[in-house]
Amino acid sequence: MDAEKKEEIIQAVWKEIGTVEDPDLGLALTEMGLIYEVDLDESATAQIKMTLTSMGCPAAPQLTAGVHAAATRVEGVNDAQVEVVWTPPWDPREMASEDAQMALGLY
């Protein structure tokens, strides 16, 4: 796969992940800044690094499954691996979009 096609698929994965919302807040994970990285390996597996709002997030299984499902809906993606990471720690003041910050009451 050429670099242009790979980038096109990665952008499509980002867009599709943007449909996954936090069930408590009703905000897209991408808007909240919880998706850190999306890549595509040589076997067309989307490699996604994300975090959660807290280590004890009760919605963790639902959110990671939603991200996996969203990524695998994208044409050109054969599978997805979703890794939850804690570095860097999530900071909504730095990582969330302005709209998400307003919804979170940070403005």
N, C-alpha and C. Protein backbone atom coordinates (compact mmCIF):
# COMPACT_ATOMS: atom_id res chain seq x y z
N MET A 1 0.85 -1.18 0.00
CA MET A 1 0.00 0.00 0.00
C MET A 1 0.89 1.24 0.00
N ASP A 2 0.56 2.18 -0.84
CA ASP A 2 1.38 3.39 -0.90
C ASP A 2 1.04 4.33 0.26
N ALA A 3 1.93 5.26 0.51
CA ALA A 3 1.80 6.17 1.65
C ALA A 3 0.53 7.01 1.59
N GLU A 4 0.16 7.43 0.38
CA GLU A 4 -1.04 8.27 0.23
C GLU A 4 -2.31 7.49 0.61
N LYS A 5 -2.40 6.25 0.15
CA LYS A 5 -3.56 5.41 0.47
C LYS A 5 -3.60 5.11 1.97
N LYS A 6 -2.45 4.82 2.55
CA LYS A 6 -2.36 4.56 3.99
C LYS A 6 -2.87 5.76 4.77
N GLU A 7 -2.43 6.95 4.41
CA GLU A 7 -2.87 8.17 5.11
C GLU A 7 -4.36 8.39 4.94
N GLU A 8 -4.89 8.10 3.78
CA GLU A 8 -6.32 8.23 3.52
C GLU A 8 -7.12 7.30 4.44
N ILE A 9 -6.65 6.08 4.60
CA ILE A 9 -7.33 5.12 5.48
C ILE A 9 -7.23 5.56 6.93
N ILE A 10 -6.06 6.02 7.34
CA ILE A 10 -5.88 6.50 8.72
C ILE A 10 -6.84 7.65 9.01
N GLN A 11 -6.96 8.59 8.09
CA GLN A 11 -7.89 9.71 8.28
C GLN A 11 -9.34 9.23 8.35
N ALA A 12 -9.67 8.22 7.57
CA ALA A 12 -11.02 7.65 7.62
C ALA A 12 -11.28 6.97 8.96
N VAL A 13 -10.25 6.32 9.51
CA VAL A 13 -10.38 5.70 10.83
C VAL A 13 -10.61 6.77 11.89
N TRP A 14 -9.83 7.85 11.85
CA TRP A 14 -10.04 8.96 12.79
C TRP A 14 -11.48 9.46 12.72
N LYS A 15 -11.96 9.64 11.50
CA LYS A 15 -13.31 10.16 11.32
C LYS A 15 -14.35 9.19 11.89
N GLU A 16 -14.18 7.92 11.63
CA GLU A 16 -15.14 6.93 12.12
C GLU A 16 -15.08 6.79 13.64
N ILE A 17 -13.88 6.86 14.21
CA ILE A 17 -13.77 6.83 15.67
C ILE A 17 -14.47 8.03 16.28
N GLY A 18 -14.54 9.12 15.53
CA GLY A 18 -15.23 10.33 15.99
C GLY A 18 -16.71 10.12 16.24
N THR A 19 -17.25 8.98 15.83
CA THR A 19 -18.67 8.68 16.10
C THR A 19 -18.85 7.99 17.45
N VAL A 20 -17.75 7.59 18.09
CA VAL A 20 -17.83 6.89 19.38
C VAL A 20 -17.88 7.94 20.49
N GLU A 21 -18.92 7.88 21.30
CA GLU A 21 -19.11 8.87 22.36
C GLU A 21 -18.97 8.26 23.75
N ASP A 22 -18.51 9.06 24.67
CA ASP A 22 -18.52 8.69 26.08
C ASP A 22 -19.98 8.59 26.51
N PRO A 23 -20.40 7.45 27.07
CA PRO A 23 -21.82 7.28 27.39
C PRO A 23 -22.33 8.22 28.48
N ASP A 24 -21.45 8.65 29.37
CA ASP A 24 -21.87 9.54 30.45
C ASP A 24 -21.92 11.00 30.01
N LEU A 25 -20.97 11.38 29.18
CA LEU A 25 -20.84 12.79 28.80
C LEU A 25 -21.46 13.12 27.45
N GLY A 26 -21.66 12.11 26.60
CA GLY A 26 -22.22 12.35 25.28
C GLY A 26 -21.29 13.11 24.37
N LEU A 27 -20.00 13.02 24.62
CA LEU A 27 -18.99 13.70 23.80
C LEU A 27 -18.17 12.67 23.06
N ALA A 28 -17.79 12.99 21.83
CA ALA A 28 -16.95 12.08 21.05
C ALA A 28 -15.59 11.92 21.72
N LEU A 29 -15.08 10.69 21.70
CA LEU A 29 -13.77 10.42 22.30
C LEU A 29 -12.69 11.26 21.65
N THR A 30 -12.82 11.49 20.33
CA THR A 30 -11.82 12.31 19.64
C THR A 30 -11.88 13.76 20.12
N GLU A 31 -13.07 14.27 20.35
CA GLU A 31 -13.22 15.65 20.84
C GLU A 31 -12.68 15.80 22.26
N MET A 32 -12.78 14.73 23.03
CA MET A 32 -12.28 14.75 24.40
C MET A 32 -10.77 14.60 24.47
N GLY A 33 -10.16 14.24 23.33
CA GLY A 33 -8.71 14.06 23.31
C GLY A 33 -8.28 12.72 23.86
N LEU A 34 -9.17 11.74 23.87
CA LEU A 34 -8.85 10.43 24.43
C LEU A 34 -8.18 9.49 23.43
N ILE A 35 -8.23 9.82 22.16
CA ILE A 35 -7.55 9.02 21.14
C ILE A 35 -6.20 9.67 20.88
N TYR A 36 -5.14 8.95 21.17
CA TYR A 36 -3.80 9.51 21.06
C TYR A 36 -3.15 9.26 19.70
N GLU A 37 -3.40 8.09 19.14
CA GLU A 37 -2.68 7.73 17.91
C GLU A 37 -3.47 6.72 17.10
N VAL A 38 -3.42 6.87 15.81
CA VAL A 38 -3.98 5.89 14.88
C VAL A 38 -2.93 5.64 13.81
N ASP A 39 -2.63 4.37 13.59
CA ASP A 39 -1.69 4.00 12.53
C ASP A 39 -2.24 2.76 11.83
N LEU A 40 -1.64 2.40 10.75
CA LEU A 40 -2.06 1.23 9.98
C LEU A 40 -0.81 0.44 9.65
N ASP A 41 -0.78 -0.84 10.06
CA ASP A 41 0.41 -1.64 9.78
C ASP A 41 0.30 -2.32 8.42
N GLU A 42 1.34 -3.08 8.07
CA GLU A 42 1.43 -3.69 6.74
C GLU A 42 0.34 -4.73 6.48
N SER A 43 -0.29 -5.25 7.55
CA SER A 43 -1.38 -6.21 7.35
C SER A 43 -2.75 -5.52 7.37
N ALA A 44 -2.76 -4.19 7.29
CA ALA A 44 -3.98 -3.38 7.29
C ALA A 44 -4.74 -3.49 8.61
N THR A 45 -3.98 -3.67 9.70
CA THR A 45 -4.56 -3.63 11.04
C THR A 45 -4.37 -2.23 11.58
N ALA A 46 -5.48 -1.61 11.99
CA ALA A 46 -5.39 -0.28 12.60
C ALA A 46 -4.82 -0.44 14.01
N GLN A 47 -3.79 0.31 14.29
CA GLN A 47 -3.15 0.31 15.61
C GLN A 47 -3.57 1.60 16.30
N ILE A 48 -4.36 1.48 17.37
CA ILE A 48 -4.94 2.65 18.01
C ILE A 48 -4.50 2.72 19.46
N LYS A 49 -3.99 3.88 19.86
CA LYS A 49 -3.66 4.13 21.25
C LYS A 49 -4.64 5.15 21.78
N MET A 50 -5.24 4.81 22.90
CA MET A 50 -6.21 5.70 23.52
C MET A 50 -6.03 5.66 25.02
N THR A 51 -6.68 6.59 25.69
CA THR A 51 -6.69 6.58 27.13
C THR A 51 -8.14 6.72 27.59
N LEU A 52 -8.32 6.75 28.88
CA LEU A 52 -9.64 6.89 29.47
C LEU A 52 -9.61 8.08 30.42
N THR A 53 -10.76 8.54 30.83
CA THR A 53 -10.81 9.69 31.73
C THR A 53 -10.26 9.33 33.11
N SER A 54 -10.32 8.05 33.47
CA SER A 54 -9.75 7.59 34.75
C SER A 54 -9.42 6.11 34.65
N MET A 55 -8.52 5.65 35.50
CA MET A 55 -8.14 4.24 35.48
C MET A 55 -9.32 3.33 35.83
N GLY A 56 -10.23 3.82 36.64
CA GLY A 56 -11.37 3.01 37.05
C GLY A 56 -12.60 3.25 36.20
N CYS A 57 -12.44 3.72 35.01
CA CYS A 57 -13.58 4.05 34.13
C CYS A 57 -14.45 2.82 33.92
N PRO A 58 -15.71 2.87 34.39
CA PRO A 58 -16.58 1.70 34.23
C PRO A 58 -16.98 1.43 32.78
N ALA A 59 -16.84 2.40 31.93
CA ALA A 59 -17.21 2.23 30.52
C ALA A 59 -16.04 1.76 29.66
N ALA A 60 -14.91 1.43 30.26
CA ALA A 60 -13.73 1.06 29.49
C ALA A 60 -14.00 -0.04 28.46
N PRO A 61 -14.63 -1.16 28.84
CA PRO A 61 -14.87 -2.20 27.83
C PRO A 61 -15.77 -1.71 26.69
N GLN A 62 -16.77 -0.93 27.01
CA GLN A 62 -17.69 -0.40 26.00
C GLN A 62 -16.95 0.55 25.06
N LEU A 63 -16.10 1.40 25.61
CA LEU A 63 -15.39 2.38 24.79
C LEU A 63 -14.37 1.72 23.88
N THR A 64 -13.60 0.79 24.41
CA THR A 64 -12.60 0.13 23.57
C THR A 64 -13.27 -0.72 22.49
N ALA A 65 -14.38 -1.36 22.84
CA ALA A 65 -15.12 -2.14 21.82
C ALA A 65 -15.69 -1.21 20.76
N GLY A 66 -16.17 -0.05 21.16
CA GLY A 66 -16.71 0.92 20.20
C GLY A 66 -15.63 1.43 19.25
N VAL A 67 -14.45 1.68 19.79
CA VAL A 67 -13.34 2.15 18.95
C VAL A 67 -12.93 1.05 17.98
N HIS A 68 -12.85 -0.18 18.47
CA HIS A 68 -12.50 -1.32 17.61
C HIS A 68 -13.53 -1.46 16.48
N ALA A 69 -14.80 -1.43 16.84
CA ALA A 69 -15.86 -1.57 15.83
C ALA A 69 -15.81 -0.45 14.81
N ALA A 70 -15.60 0.77 15.28
CA ALA A 70 -15.54 1.92 14.37
C ALA A 70 -14.39 1.76 13.38
N ALA A 71 -13.23 1.37 13.88
CA ALA A 71 -12.05 1.24 13.01
C ALA A 71 -12.26 0.16 11.97
N THR A 72 -12.86 -0.95 12.36
CA THR A 72 -13.02 -2.06 11.42
C THR A 72 -14.14 -1.83 10.41
N ARG A 73 -14.94 -0.80 10.62
CA ARG A 73 -15.95 -0.43 9.61
C ARG A 73 -15.34 0.27 8.40
N VAL A 74 -14.13 0.76 8.56
CA VAL A 74 -13.49 1.53 7.49
C VAL A 74 -12.97 0.59 6.40
N GLU A 75 -13.32 0.90 5.16
CA GLU A 75 -12.83 0.11 4.03
C GLU A 75 -11.32 0.18 3.98
N GLY A 76 -10.70 -0.98 3.84
CA GLY A 76 -9.24 -1.04 3.80
C GLY A 76 -8.63 -1.47 5.12
N VAL A 77 -9.42 -1.54 6.17
CA VAL A 77 -8.95 -2.00 7.48
C VAL A 77 -9.40 -3.44 7.66
N ASN A 78 -8.43 -4.32 7.91
CA ASN A 78 -8.75 -5.74 8.11
C ASN A 78 -9.07 -6.07 9.56
N ASP A 79 -8.45 -5.35 10.48
CA ASP A 79 -8.65 -5.59 11.92
C ASP A 79 -8.17 -4.36 12.66
N ALA A 80 -8.37 -4.36 13.97
CA ALA A 80 -7.90 -3.24 14.78
C ALA A 80 -7.39 -3.76 16.12
N GLN A 81 -6.36 -3.13 16.60
CA GLN A 81 -5.86 -3.38 17.95
C GLN A 81 -5.97 -2.07 18.70
N VAL A 82 -6.70 -2.10 19.80
CA VAL A 82 -6.91 -0.91 20.61
C VAL A 82 -6.13 -1.10 21.91
N GLU A 83 -5.19 -0.21 22.15
CA GLU A 83 -4.36 -0.27 23.35
C GLU A 83 -4.70 0.93 24.23
N VAL A 84 -5.04 0.64 25.49
CA VAL A 84 -5.29 1.71 26.44
C VAL A 84 -3.95 2.03 27.12
N VAL A 85 -3.57 3.30 27.04
CA VAL A 85 -2.31 3.75 27.62
C VAL A 85 -2.59 4.85 28.65
N TRP A 86 -1.64 5.04 29.54
CA TRP A 86 -1.82 6.04 30.60
C TRP A 86 -0.79 7.16 30.51
N THR A 87 0.06 7.09 29.49
CA THR A 87 1.08 8.11 29.29
C THR A 87 0.93 8.67 27.90
N PRO A 88 0.76 9.96 27.75
CA PRO A 88 0.68 10.94 28.83
C PRO A 88 -0.69 10.88 29.52
N PRO A 89 -0.73 11.31 30.78
CA PRO A 89 -2.02 11.34 31.47
C PRO A 89 -2.98 12.29 30.75
N TRP A 90 -4.25 11.91 30.71
CA TRP A 90 -5.25 12.74 30.05
C TRP A 90 -5.47 14.02 30.83
N ASP A 91 -5.40 15.12 30.13
CA ASP A 91 -5.65 16.43 30.72
C ASP A 91 -6.62 17.17 29.79
N PRO A 92 -7.89 17.23 30.16
CA PRO A 92 -8.87 17.85 29.26
C PRO A 92 -8.58 19.31 28.95
N ARG A 93 -7.89 20.00 29.81
CA ARG A 93 -7.55 21.40 29.55
C ARG A 93 -6.57 21.54 28.39
N GLU A 94 -5.79 20.49 28.18
CA GLU A 94 -4.78 20.51 27.11
C GLU A 94 -5.19 19.69 25.90
N MET A 95 -5.95 18.62 26.12
CA MET A 95 -6.19 17.64 25.06
C MET A 95 -7.57 17.71 24.43
N ALA A 96 -8.54 18.19 25.16
CA ALA A 96 -9.91 18.24 24.65
C ALA A 96 -10.09 19.47 23.75
N SER A 97 -10.99 19.34 22.81
CA SER A 97 -11.31 20.48 21.95
C SER A 97 -11.98 21.57 22.78
N GLU A 98 -12.02 22.76 22.22
CA GLU A 98 -12.66 23.88 22.92
C GLU A 98 -14.13 23.57 23.23
N ASP A 99 -14.83 22.97 22.29
CA ASP A 99 -16.24 22.61 22.52
C ASP A 99 -16.36 21.60 23.65
N ALA A 100 -15.50 20.62 23.67
CA ALA A 100 -15.53 19.60 24.73
C ALA A 100 -15.20 20.25 26.08
N GLN A 101 -14.24 21.16 26.08
CA GLN A 101 -13.89 21.85 27.33
C GLN A 101 -15.09 22.62 27.86
N MET A 102 -15.82 23.26 26.97
CA MET A 102 -17.01 24.00 27.39
C MET A 102 -18.06 23.06 27.95
N ALA A 103 -18.26 21.90 27.29
CA ALA A 103 -19.24 20.92 27.76
C ALA A 103 -18.83 20.33 29.10
N LEU A 104 -17.52 20.25 29.33
CA LEU A 104 -17.02 19.72 30.60
C LEU A 104 -16.97 20.78 31.70
N GLY A 105 -17.34 22.00 31.35
CA GLY A 105 -17.35 23.09 32.32
C GLY A 105 -15.98 23.64 32.66
N LEU A 106 -15.06 23.54 31.73
CA LEU A 106 -13.69 24.01 31.98
C LEU A 106 -13.46 25.44 31.53
N TYR A 107 -14.47 26.02 30.88
CA TYR A 107 -14.37 27.43 30.45
C TYR A 107 -15.22 28.29 31.33
